[in-house]
Amino acid sequence: MSTIYDVLRRPIVTEKSNFQSSKLNQYVFEVAPGATKTMVKDAVETIFDVKVTSVNVMNMAAKRSRNRVNRRMRTRRLQYRKAIVTLAPGDSIEAFEGVK
């Protein structure tokens, strides 16, 4: 990865991530496969100008299904790496904020 802008791929917006952002001050991002916790922390602090208290990183497995005709396994969705970033109290990321 050449820059910090290559670490964060996209925000993940689901019902669970909306709950985490509103109640727990946690934000979820899809990150590059080789990203470490310190790289994610530096990227979020630099891009969004917030204070990060902790980062949890996990690998999400590919979703697989079985073909009906010949019973072979096929991949429906590729695997990716996900990071849950906890911010300091009082900080927030405006990209995740909804209608108030």
PDB file of N, CA and C in Angstrom:
ATOM      1  N   MET A   1       0.842  -1.176   0.000  1.00  0.00           N
ATOM      2  CA  MET A   1       0.000   0.000   0.000  1.00  0.00           C
ATOM      3  C   MET A   1       0.883   1.233   0.000  1.00  0.00           C
ATOM      4  N   SER A   2       0.615   2.117  -0.908  1.00  0.00           N
ATOM      5  CA  SER A   2       1.497   3.259  -1.073  1.00  0.00           C
ATOM      6  C   SER A   2       1.104   4.438  -0.185  1.00  0.00           C
ATOM      7  N   THR A   3      -0.170   4.686   0.026  1.00  0.00           N
ATOM      8  CA  THR A   3      -0.602   5.816   0.839  1.00  0.00           C
ATOM      9  C   THR A   3      -1.654   5.362   1.846  1.00  0.00           C
ATOM     10  N   ILE A   4      -1.977   6.272   2.763  1.00  0.00           N
ATOM     11  CA  ILE A   4      -3.006   5.944   3.752  1.00  0.00           C
ATOM     12  C   ILE A   4      -4.393   5.893   3.117  1.00  0.00           C
ATOM     13  N   TYR A   5      -4.544   6.514   1.950  1.00  0.00           N
ATOM     14  CA  TYR A   5      -5.841   6.501   1.281  1.00  0.00           C
ATOM     15  C   TYR A   5      -6.136   5.151   0.642  1.00  0.00           C
ATOM     16  N   ASP A   6      -5.131   4.291   0.516  1.00  0.00           N
ATOM     17  CA  ASP A   6      -5.337   2.949  -0.012  1.00  0.00           C
ATOM     18  C   ASP A   6      -5.737   1.957   1.071  1.00  0.00           C
ATOM     19  N   VAL A   7      -5.619   2.331   2.337  1.00  0.00           N
ATOM     20  CA  VAL A   7      -5.943   1.421   3.444  1.00  0.00           C
ATOM     21  C   VAL A   7      -7.446   1.242   3.566  1.00  0.00           C
ATOM     22  N   LEU A   8      -8.198   2.332   3.613  1.00  0.00           N
ATOM     23  CA  LEU A   8      -9.662   2.265   3.747  1.00  0.00           C
ATOM     24  C   LEU A   8     -10.279   2.112   2.366  1.00  0.00           C
ATOM     25  N   ARG A   9     -11.073   1.058   2.186  1.00  0.00           N
ATOM     26  CA  ARG A   9     -11.716   0.842   0.896  1.00  0.00           C
ATOM     27  C   ARG A   9     -13.097   1.493   0.834  1.00  0.00           C
ATOM     28  N   ARG A  10     -13.955   1.162   1.822  1.00  0.00           N
ATOM     29  CA  ARG A  10     -15.314   1.715   1.837  1.00  0.00           C
ATOM     30  C   ARG A  10     -15.903   1.534   3.227  1.00  0.00           C
ATOM     31  N   PRO A  11     -16.857   2.377   3.589  1.00  0.00           N
ATOM     32  CA  PRO A  11     -17.570   2.141   4.853  1.00  0.00           C
ATOM     33  C   PRO A  11     -18.597   1.022   4.669  1.00  0.00           C
ATOM     34  N   ILE A  12     -18.835   0.271   5.710  1.00  0.00           N
ATOM     35  CA  ILE A  12     -19.849  -0.779   5.687  1.00  0.00           C
ATOM     36  C   ILE A  12     -21.043  -0.272   6.472  1.00  0.00           C
ATOM     37  N   VAL A  13     -22.167  -0.112   5.791  1.00  0.00           N
ATOM     38  CA  VAL A  13     -23.371   0.440   6.408  1.00  0.00           C
ATOM     39  C   VAL A  13     -24.438  -0.645   6.438  1.00  0.00           C
ATOM     40  N   THR A  14     -24.702  -1.159   7.633  1.00  0.00           N
ATOM     41  CA  THR A  14     -25.747  -2.148   7.863  1.00  0.00           C
ATOM     42  C   THR A  14     -26.529  -1.721   9.103  1.00  0.00           C
ATOM     43  N   GLU A  15     -27.533  -2.488   9.469  1.00  0.00           N
ATOM     44  CA  GLU A  15     -28.294  -2.175  10.683  1.00  0.00           C
ATOM     45  C   GLU A  15     -27.398  -2.255  11.911  1.00  0.00           C
ATOM     46  N   LYS A  16     -26.552  -3.265  11.950  1.00  0.00           N
ATOM     47  CA  LYS A  16     -25.663  -3.431  13.097  1.00  0.00           C
ATOM     48  C   LYS A  16     -24.641  -2.301  13.170  1.00  0.00           C
ATOM     49  N   SER A  17     -24.076  -1.902  12.025  1.00  0.00           N
ATOM     50  CA  SER A  17     -23.088  -0.820  12.045  1.00  0.00           C
ATOM     51  C   SER A  17     -23.749   0.519  12.375  1.00  0.00           C
ATOM     52  N   ASN A  18     -25.006   0.720  11.991  1.00  0.00           N
ATOM     53  CA  ASN A  18     -25.722   1.938  12.378  1.00  0.00           C
ATOM     54  C   ASN A  18     -25.934   1.981  13.894  1.00  0.00           C
ATOM     55  N   PHE A  19     -26.269   0.847  14.492  1.00  0.00           N
ATOM     56  CA  PHE A  19     -26.416   0.779  15.946  1.00  0.00           C
ATOM     57  C   PHE A  19     -25.084   1.069  16.629  1.00  0.00           C
ATOM     58  N   GLN A  20     -24.000   0.473  16.109  1.00  0.00           N
ATOM     59  CA  GLN A  20     -22.687   0.678  16.701  1.00  0.00           C
ATOM     60  C   GLN A  20     -22.253   2.135  16.612  1.00  0.00           C
ATOM     61  N   SER A  21     -22.549   2.780  15.502  1.00  0.00           N
ATOM     62  CA  SER A  21     -22.122   4.174  15.358  1.00  0.00           C
ATOM     63  C   SER A  21     -22.940   5.112  16.232  1.00  0.00           C
ATOM     64  N   SER A  22     -24.219   4.809  16.427  1.00  0.00           N
ATOM     65  CA  SER A  22     -25.047   5.717  17.215  1.00  0.00           C
ATOM     66  C   SER A  22     -24.897   5.493  18.724  1.00  0.00           C
ATOM     67  N   LYS A  23     -24.797   4.254  19.172  1.00  0.00           N
ATOM     68  CA  LYS A  23     -24.772   3.967  20.605  1.00  0.00           C
ATOM     69  C   LYS A  23     -23.368   3.738  21.166  1.00  0.00           C
ATOM     70  N   LEU A  24     -22.493   3.076  20.400  1.00  0.00           N
ATOM     71  CA  LEU A  24     -21.195   2.651  20.914  1.00  0.00           C
ATOM     72  C   LEU A  24     -20.021   3.475  20.388  1.00  0.00           C
ATOM     73  N   ASN A  25     -20.295   4.415  19.477  1.00  0.00           N
ATOM     74  CA  ASN A  25     -19.260   5.264  18.880  1.00  0.00           C
ATOM     75  C   ASN A  25     -18.219   4.427  18.132  1.00  0.00           C
ATOM     76  N   GLN A  26     -18.699   3.375  17.413  1.00  0.00           N
ATOM     77  CA  GLN A  26     -17.841   2.513  16.619  1.00  0.00           C
ATOM     78  C   GLN A  26     -18.248   2.614  15.159  1.00  0.00           C
ATOM     79  N   TYR A  27     -17.256   2.604  14.266  1.00  0.00           N
ATOM     80  CA  TYR A  27     -17.502   2.719  12.832  1.00  0.00           C
ATOM     81  C   TYR A  27     -16.828   1.553  12.129  1.00  0.00           C
ATOM     82  N   VAL A  28     -17.473   1.025  11.071  1.00  0.00           N
ATOM     83  CA  VAL A  28     -17.011  -0.177  10.397  1.00  0.00           C
ATOM     84  C   VAL A  28     -16.574   0.178   8.980  1.00  0.00           C
ATOM     85  N   PHE A  29     -15.383  -0.310   8.599  1.00  0.00           N
ATOM     86  CA  PHE A  29     -14.829  -0.066   7.274  1.00  0.00           C
ATOM     87  C   PHE A  29     -14.343  -1.372   6.673  1.00  0.00           C
ATOM     88  N   GLU A  30     -14.432  -1.473   5.338  1.00  0.00           N
ATOM     89  CA  GLU A  30     -13.711  -2.516   4.630  1.00  0.00           C
ATOM     90  C   GLU A  30     -12.328  -1.967   4.359  1.00  0.00           C
ATOM     91  N   VAL A  31     -11.295  -2.737   4.684  1.00  0.00           N
ATOM     92  CA  VAL A  31      -9.920  -2.271   4.545  1.00  0.00           C
ATOM     93  C   VAL A  31      -9.162  -3.183   3.586  1.00  0.00           C
ATOM     94  N   ALA A  32      -7.973  -2.755   3.201  1.00  0.00           N
ATOM     95  CA  ALA A  32      -7.124  -3.527   2.296  1.00  0.00           C
ATOM     96  C   ALA A  32      -6.701  -4.832   2.968  1.00  0.00           C
ATOM     97  N   PRO A  33      -6.463  -5.878   2.191  1.00  0.00           N
ATOM     98  CA  PRO A  33      -6.125  -7.183   2.782  1.00  0.00           C
ATOM     99  C   PRO A  33      -4.861  -7.175   3.637  1.00  0.00           C
ATOM    100  N   GLY A  34      -3.901  -6.341   3.344  1.00  0.00           N
ATOM    101  CA  GLY A  34      -2.668  -6.321   4.115  1.00  0.00           C
ATOM    102  C   GLY A  34      -2.621  -5.266   5.206  1.00  0.00           C
ATOM    103  N   ALA A  35      -3.752  -4.631   5.492  1.00  0.00           N
ATOM    104  CA  ALA A  35      -3.783  -3.531   6.466  1.00  0.00           C
ATOM    105  C   ALA A  35      -3.660  -4.059   7.896  1.00  0.00           C
ATOM    106  N   THR A  36      -2.891  -3.365   8.702  1.00  0.00           N
ATOM    107  CA  THR A  36      -2.746  -3.707  10.116  1.00  0.00           C
ATOM    108  C   THR A  36      -3.552  -2.717  10.956  1.00  0.00           C
ATOM    109  N   LYS A  37      -3.627  -2.979  12.269  1.00  0.00           N
ATOM    110  CA  LYS A  37      -4.389  -2.101  13.159  1.00  0.00           C
ATOM    111  C   LYS A  37      -3.799  -0.693  13.188  1.00  0.00           C
ATOM    112  N   THR A  38      -2.483  -0.591  13.219  1.00  0.00           N
ATOM    113  CA  THR A  38      -1.861   0.732  13.269  1.00  0.00           C
ATOM    114  C   THR A  38      -2.060   1.494  11.972  1.00  0.00           C
ATOM    115  N   MET A  39      -2.041   0.782  10.839  1.00  0.00           N
ATOM    116  CA  MET A  39      -2.284   1.444   9.559  1.00  0.00           C
ATOM    117  C   MET A  39      -3.713   1.981   9.488  1.00  0.00           C
ATOM    118  N   VAL A  40      -4.685   1.189   9.974  1.00  0.00           N
ATOM    119  CA  VAL A  40      -6.084   1.621   9.971  1.00  0.00           C
ATOM    120  C   VAL A  40      -6.260   2.815  10.897  1.00  0.00           C
ATOM    121  N   LYS A  41      -5.649   2.769  12.075  1.00  0.00           N
ATOM    122  CA  LYS A  41      -5.749   3.879  13.025  1.00  0.00           C
ATOM    123  C   LYS A  41      -5.181   5.161  12.433  1.00  0.00           C
ATOM    124  N   ASP A  42      -4.002   5.089  11.841  1.00  0.00           N
ATOM    125  CA  ASP A  42      -3.394   6.271  11.231  1.00  0.00           C
ATOM    126  C   ASP A  42      -4.244   6.822  10.094  1.00  0.00           C
ATOM    127  N   ALA A  43      -4.807   5.937   9.278  1.00  0.00           N
ATOM    128  CA  ALA A  43      -5.627   6.376   8.145  1.00  0.00           C
ATOM    129  C   ALA A  43      -6.887   7.094   8.621  1.00  0.00           C
ATOM    130  N   VAL A  44      -7.585   6.522   9.607  1.00  0.00           N
ATOM    131  CA  VAL A  44      -8.834   7.134  10.096  1.00  0.00           C
ATOM    132  C   VAL A  44      -8.542   8.464  10.779  1.00  0.00           C
ATOM    133  N   GLU A  45      -7.493   8.520  11.589  1.00  0.00           N
ATOM    134  CA  GLU A  45      -7.161   9.766  12.281  1.00  0.00           C
ATOM    135  C   GLU A  45      -6.759  10.858  11.291  1.00  0.00           C
ATOM    136  N   THR A  46      -6.054  10.513  10.238  1.00  0.00           N
ATOM    137  CA  THR A  46      -5.612  11.503   9.258  1.00  0.00           C
ATOM    138  C   THR A  46      -6.756  11.962   8.361  1.00  0.00           C
ATOM    139  N   ILE A  47      -7.525  11.036   7.844  1.00  0.00           N
ATOM    140  CA  ILE A  47      -8.571  11.379   6.874  1.00  0.00           C
ATOM    141  C   ILE A  47      -9.738  12.105   7.537  1.00  0.00           C
ATOM    142  N   PHE A  48     -10.206  11.618   8.689  1.00  0.00           N
ATOM    143  CA  PHE A  48     -11.412  12.165   9.316  1.00  0.00           C
ATOM    144  C   PHE A  48     -11.123  13.121  10.467  1.00  0.00           C
ATOM    145  N   ASP A  49      -9.875  13.294  10.854  1.00  0.00           N
ATOM    146  CA  ASP A  49      -9.470  14.223  11.911  1.00  0.00           C
ATOM    147  C   ASP A  49     -10.207  13.926  13.224  1.00  0.00           C
ATOM    148  N   VAL A  50     -10.107  12.670  13.682  1.00  0.00           N
ATOM    149  CA  VAL A  50     -10.714  12.232  14.938  1.00  0.00           C
ATOM    150  C   VAL A  50      -9.657  11.491  15.751  1.00  0.00           C
ATOM    151  N   LYS A  51      -9.978  11.186  17.019  1.00  0.00           N
ATOM    152  CA  LYS A  51      -9.083  10.443  17.896  1.00  0.00           C
ATOM    153  C   LYS A  51      -9.600   9.010  18.017  1.00  0.00           C
ATOM    154  N   VAL A  52      -8.785   8.032  17.617  1.00  0.00           N
ATOM    155  CA  VAL A  52      -9.161   6.620  17.655  1.00  0.00           C
ATOM    156  C   VAL A  52      -8.649   6.009  18.954  1.00  0.00           C
ATOM    157  N   THR A  53      -9.548   5.309  19.684  1.00  0.00           N
ATOM    158  CA  THR A  53      -9.133   4.661  20.925  1.00  0.00           C
ATOM    159  C   THR A  53      -8.767   3.199  20.713  1.00  0.00           C
ATOM    160  N   SER A  54      -9.470   2.488  19.824  1.00  0.00           N
ATOM    161  CA  SER A  54      -9.124   1.096  19.560  1.00  0.00           C
ATOM    162  C   SER A  54      -9.561   0.690  18.161  1.00  0.00           C
ATOM    163  N   VAL A  55      -8.914  -0.349  17.648  1.00  0.00           N
ATOM    164  CA  VAL A  55      -9.223  -0.893  16.320  1.00  0.00           C
ATOM    165  C   VAL A  55      -9.282  -2.403  16.430  1.00  0.00           C
ATOM    166  N   ASN A  56     -10.353  -3.003  15.942  1.00  0.00           N
ATOM    167  CA  ASN A  56     -10.485  -4.458  15.835  1.00  0.00           C
ATOM    168  C   ASN A  56     -10.534  -4.800  14.358  1.00  0.00           C
ATOM    169  N   VAL A  57      -9.691  -5.751  13.934  1.00  0.00           N
ATOM    170  CA  VAL A  57      -9.609  -6.140  12.528  1.00  0.00           C
ATOM    171  C   VAL A  57      -9.947  -7.617  12.416  1.00  0.00           C
ATOM    172  N   MET A  58     -10.762  -7.973  11.406  1.00  0.00           N
ATOM    173  CA  MET A  58     -11.122  -9.373  11.212  1.00  0.00           C
ATOM    174  C   MET A  58     -11.228  -9.690   9.729  1.00  0.00           C
ATOM    175  N   ASN A  59     -10.973 -10.943   9.393  1.00  0.00           N
ATOM    176  CA  ASN A  59     -11.120 -11.427   8.031  1.00  0.00           C
ATOM    177  C   ASN A  59     -12.493 -12.062   7.883  1.00  0.00           C
ATOM    178  N   MET A  60     -13.262 -11.593   6.917  1.00  0.00           N
ATOM    179  CA  MET A  60     -14.591 -12.129   6.672  1.00  0.00           C
ATOM    180  C   MET A  60     -14.488 -13.178   5.567  1.00  0.00           C
ATOM    181  N   ALA A  61     -15.016 -14.367   5.823  1.00  0.00           N
ATOM    182  CA  ALA A  61     -14.896 -15.477   4.883  1.00  0.00           C
ATOM    183  C   ALA A  61     -15.788 -15.269   3.669  1.00  0.00           C
ATOM    184  N   ALA A  62     -15.433 -15.930   2.590  1.00  0.00           N
ATOM    185  CA  ALA A  62     -16.242 -15.878   1.372  1.00  0.00           C
ATOM    186  C   ALA A  62     -17.528 -16.669   1.590  1.00  0.00           C
ATOM    187  N   LYS A  63     -18.616 -16.203   1.013  1.00  0.00           N
ATOM    188  CA  LYS A  63     -19.883 -16.914   1.093  1.00  0.00           C
ATOM    189  C   LYS A  63     -19.947 -17.902  -0.063  1.00  0.00           C
ATOM    190  N   ARG A  64     -20.246 -19.150   0.243  1.00  0.00           N
ATOM    191  CA  ARG A  64     -20.247 -20.190  -0.772  1.00  0.00           C
ATOM    192  C   ARG A  64     -21.620 -20.821  -0.891  1.00  0.00           C
ATOM    193  N   SER A  65     -21.910 -21.362  -2.054  1.00  0.00           N
ATOM    194  CA  SER A  65     -23.159 -22.076  -2.274  1.00  0.00           C
ATOM    195  C   SER A  65     -22.886 -23.283  -3.161  1.00  0.00           C
ATOM    196  N   ARG A  66     -23.845 -24.186  -3.237  1.00  0.00           N
ATOM    197  CA  ARG A  66     -23.672 -25.407  -4.021  1.00  0.00           C
ATOM    198  C   ARG A  66     -24.478 -25.292  -5.317  1.00  0.00           C
ATOM    199  N   ASN A  67     -23.856 -25.707  -6.422  1.00  0.00           N
ATOM    200  CA  ASN A  67     -24.510 -25.710  -7.718  1.00  0.00           C
ATOM    201  C   ASN A  67     -25.501 -26.878  -7.753  1.00  0.00           C
ATOM    202  N   ARG A  68     -26.708 -26.668  -8.212  1.00  0.00           N
ATOM    203  CA  ARG A  68     -27.731 -27.717  -8.200  1.00  0.00           C
ATOM    204  C   ARG A  68     -27.446 -28.842  -9.198  1.00  0.00           C
ATOM    205  N   VAL A  69     -26.900 -28.493 -10.353  1.00  0.00           N
ATOM    206  CA  VAL A  69     -26.747 -29.481 -11.417  1.00  0.00           C
ATOM    207  C   VAL A  69     -25.648 -30.489 -11.099  1.00  0.00           C
ATOM    208  N   ASN A  70     -24.442 -30.019 -10.805  1.00  0.00           N
ATOM    209  CA  ASN A  70     -23.340 -30.959 -10.615  1.00  0.00           C
ATOM    210  C   ASN A  70     -22.799 -30.977  -9.181  1.00  0.00           C
ATOM    211  N   ARG A  71     -23.463 -30.337  -8.237  1.00  0.00           N
ATOM    212  CA  ARG A  71     -23.151 -30.379  -6.804  1.00  0.00           C
ATOM    213  C   ARG A  71     -21.781 -29.821  -6.444  1.00  0.00           C
ATOM    214  N   ARG A  72     -21.222 -29.009  -7.306  1.00  0.00           N
ATOM    215  CA  ARG A  72     -19.933 -28.400  -6.999  1.00  0.00           C
ATOM    216  C   ARG A  72     -20.129 -27.109  -6.228  1.00  0.00           C
ATOM    217  N   MET A  73     -19.112 -26.773  -5.438  1.00  0.00           N
ATOM    218  CA  MET A  73     -19.165 -25.532  -4.672  1.00  0.00           C
ATOM    219  C   MET A  73     -18.735 -24.365  -5.565  1.00  0.00           C
ATOM    220  N   ARG A  74     -19.403 -23.261  -5.413  1.00  0.00           N
ATOM    221  CA  ARG A  74     -19.016 -22.043  -6.111  1.00  0.00           C
ATOM    222  C   ARG A  74     -19.061 -20.889  -5.118  1.00  0.00           C
ATOM    223  N   THR A  75     -18.307 -19.889  -5.392  1.00  0.00           N
ATOM    224  CA  THR A  75     -18.228 -18.743  -4.500  1.00  0.00           C
ATOM    225  C   THR A  75     -19.208 -17.682  -4.971  1.00  0.00           C
ATOM    226  N   ARG A  76     -20.023 -17.186  -4.050  1.00  0.00           N
ATOM    227  CA  ARG A  76     -20.974 -16.136  -4.374  1.00  0.00           C
ATOM    228  C   ARG A  76     -20.428 -14.756  -4.055  1.00  0.00           C
ATOM    229  N   ARG A  77     -19.632 -14.649  -2.987  1.00  0.00           N
ATOM    230  CA  ARG A  77     -19.081 -13.353  -2.591  1.00  0.00           C
ATOM    231  C   ARG A  77     -17.655 -13.571  -2.101  1.00  0.00           C
ATOM    232  N   LEU A  78     -16.755 -12.724  -2.517  1.00  0.00           N
ATOM    233  CA  LEU A  78     -15.355 -12.866  -2.162  1.00  0.00           C
ATOM    234  C   LEU A  78     -15.103 -12.507  -0.703  1.00  0.00           C
ATOM    235  N   GLN A  79     -13.987 -12.995  -0.179  1.00  0.00           N
ATOM    236  CA  GLN A  79     -13.622 -12.647   1.184  1.00  0.00           C
ATOM    237  C   GLN A  79     -13.060 -11.233   1.230  1.00  0.00           C
ATOM    238  N   TYR A  80     -13.145 -10.608   2.402  1.00  0.00           N
ATOM    239  CA  TYR A  80     -12.621  -9.263   2.577  1.00  0.00           C
ATOM    240  C   TYR A  80     -12.179  -9.083   4.018  1.00  0.00           C
ATOM    241  N   ARG A  81     -11.543  -7.972   4.292  1.00  0.00           N
ATOM    242  CA  ARG A  81     -11.040  -7.664   5.635  1.00  0.00           C
ATOM    243  C   ARG A  81     -11.830  -6.482   6.166  1.00  0.00           C
ATOM    244  N   LYS A  82     -12.256  -6.585   7.414  1.00  0.00           N
ATOM    245  CA  LYS A  82     -13.131  -5.576   8.016  1.00  0.00           C
ATOM    246  C   LYS A  82     -12.481  -5.025   9.272  1.00  0.00           C
ATOM    247  N   ALA A  83     -12.642  -3.726   9.498  1.00  0.00           N
ATOM    248  CA  ALA A  83     -12.098  -3.091  10.698  1.00  0.00           C
ATOM    249  C   ALA A  83     -13.213  -2.350  11.424  1.00  0.00           C
ATOM    250  N   ILE A  84     -13.298  -2.555  12.748  1.00  0.00           N
ATOM    251  CA  ILE A  84     -14.226  -1.814  13.593  1.00  0.00           C
ATOM    252  C   ILE A  84     -13.395  -0.825  14.395  1.00  0.00           C
ATOM    253  N   VAL A  85     -13.663   0.460  14.182  1.00  0.00           N
ATOM    254  CA  VAL A  85     -12.863   1.533  14.778  1.00  0.00           C
ATOM    255  C   VAL A  85     -13.691   2.202  15.867  1.00  0.00           C
ATOM    256  N   THR A  86     -13.164   2.246  17.089  1.00  0.00           N
ATOM    257  CA  THR A  86     -13.823   2.919  18.201  1.00  0.00           C
ATOM    258  C   THR A  86     -13.189   4.290  18.375  1.00  0.00           C
ATOM    259  N   LEU A  87     -14.034   5.317  18.393  1.00  0.00           N
ATOM    260  CA  LEU A  87     -13.552   6.692  18.523  1.00  0.00           C
ATOM    261  C   LEU A  87     -13.656   7.159  19.966  1.00  0.00           C
ATOM    262  N   ALA A  88     -12.926   8.216  20.271  1.00  0.00           N
ATOM    263  CA  ALA A  88     -12.975   8.831  21.592  1.00  0.00           C
ATOM    264  C   ALA A  88     -14.350   9.458  21.811  1.00  0.00           C
ATOM    265  N   PRO A  89     -14.792   9.560  23.060  1.00  0.00           N
ATOM    266  CA  PRO A  89     -16.094  10.199  23.320  1.00  0.00           C
ATOM    267  C   PRO A  89     -16.105  11.635  22.798  1.00  0.00           C
ATOM    268  N   GLY A  90     -17.176  11.990  22.122  1.00  0.00           N
ATOM    269  CA  GLY A  90     -17.307  13.334  21.565  1.00  0.00           C
ATOM    270  C   GLY A  90     -16.924  13.425  20.103  1.00  0.00           C
ATOM    271  N   ASP A  91     -16.169  12.459  19.581  1.00  0.00           N
ATOM    272  CA  ASP A  91     -15.805  12.462  18.170  1.00  0.00           C
ATOM    273  C   ASP A  91     -16.834  11.682  17.363  1.00  0.00           C
ATOM    274  N   SER A  92     -17.004  12.063  16.112  1.00  0.00           N
ATOM    275  CA  SER A  92     -17.879  11.324  15.205  1.00  0.00           C
ATOM    276  C   SER A  92     -17.409  11.558  13.781  1.00  0.00           C
ATOM    277  N   ILE A  93     -17.832  10.667  12.897  1.00  0.00           N
ATOM    278  CA  ILE A  93     -17.515  10.787  11.473  1.00  0.00           C
ATOM    279  C   ILE A  93     -18.795  11.186  10.768  1.00  0.00           C
ATOM    280  N   GLU A  94     -18.753  12.312  10.068  1.00  0.00           N
ATOM    281  CA  GLU A  94     -19.970  12.874   9.476  1.00  0.00           C
ATOM    282  C   GLU A  94     -20.508  12.057   8.317  1.00  0.00           C
ATOM    283  N   ALA A  95     -19.678  11.227   7.677  1.00  0.00           N
ATOM    284  CA  ALA A  95     -20.152  10.421   6.551  1.00  0.00           C
ATOM    285  C   ALA A  95     -21.186   9.387   6.991  1.00  0.00           C
ATOM    286  N   PHE A  96     -21.163   8.992   8.260  1.00  0.00           N
ATOM    287  CA  PHE A  96     -22.069   7.978   8.768  1.00  0.00           C
ATOM    288  C   PHE A  96     -23.331   8.574   9.358  1.00  0.00           C
ATOM    289  N   GLU A  97     -23.380   9.854   9.558  1.00  0.00           N
ATOM    290  CA  GLU A  97     -24.524  10.488  10.213  1.00  0.00           C
ATOM    291  C   GLU A  97     -25.708  10.539   9.247  1.00  0.00           C
ATOM    292  N   GLY A  98     -26.883  10.198   9.752  1.00  0.00           N
ATOM    293  CA  GLY A  98     -28.092  10.212   8.948  1.00  0.00           C
ATOM    294  C   GLY A  98     -28.857  11.512   9.138  1.00  0.00           C
ATOM    295  N   VAL A  99     -30.137  11.483   8.830  1.00  0.00           N
ATOM    296  CA  VAL A  99     -30.986  12.645   8.967  1.00  0.00           C
ATOM    297  C   VAL A  99     -31.290  12.861  10.434  1.00  0.00           C
ATOM    298  N   LYS A 100     -31.146  14.078  10.888  1.00  0.00           N
ATOM    299  CA  LYS A 100     -31.385  14.377  12.311  1.00  0.00           C
ATOM    300  C   LYS A 100     -32.607  15.247  12.478  1.00  0.00           C
TER     301      LYS A 100
END
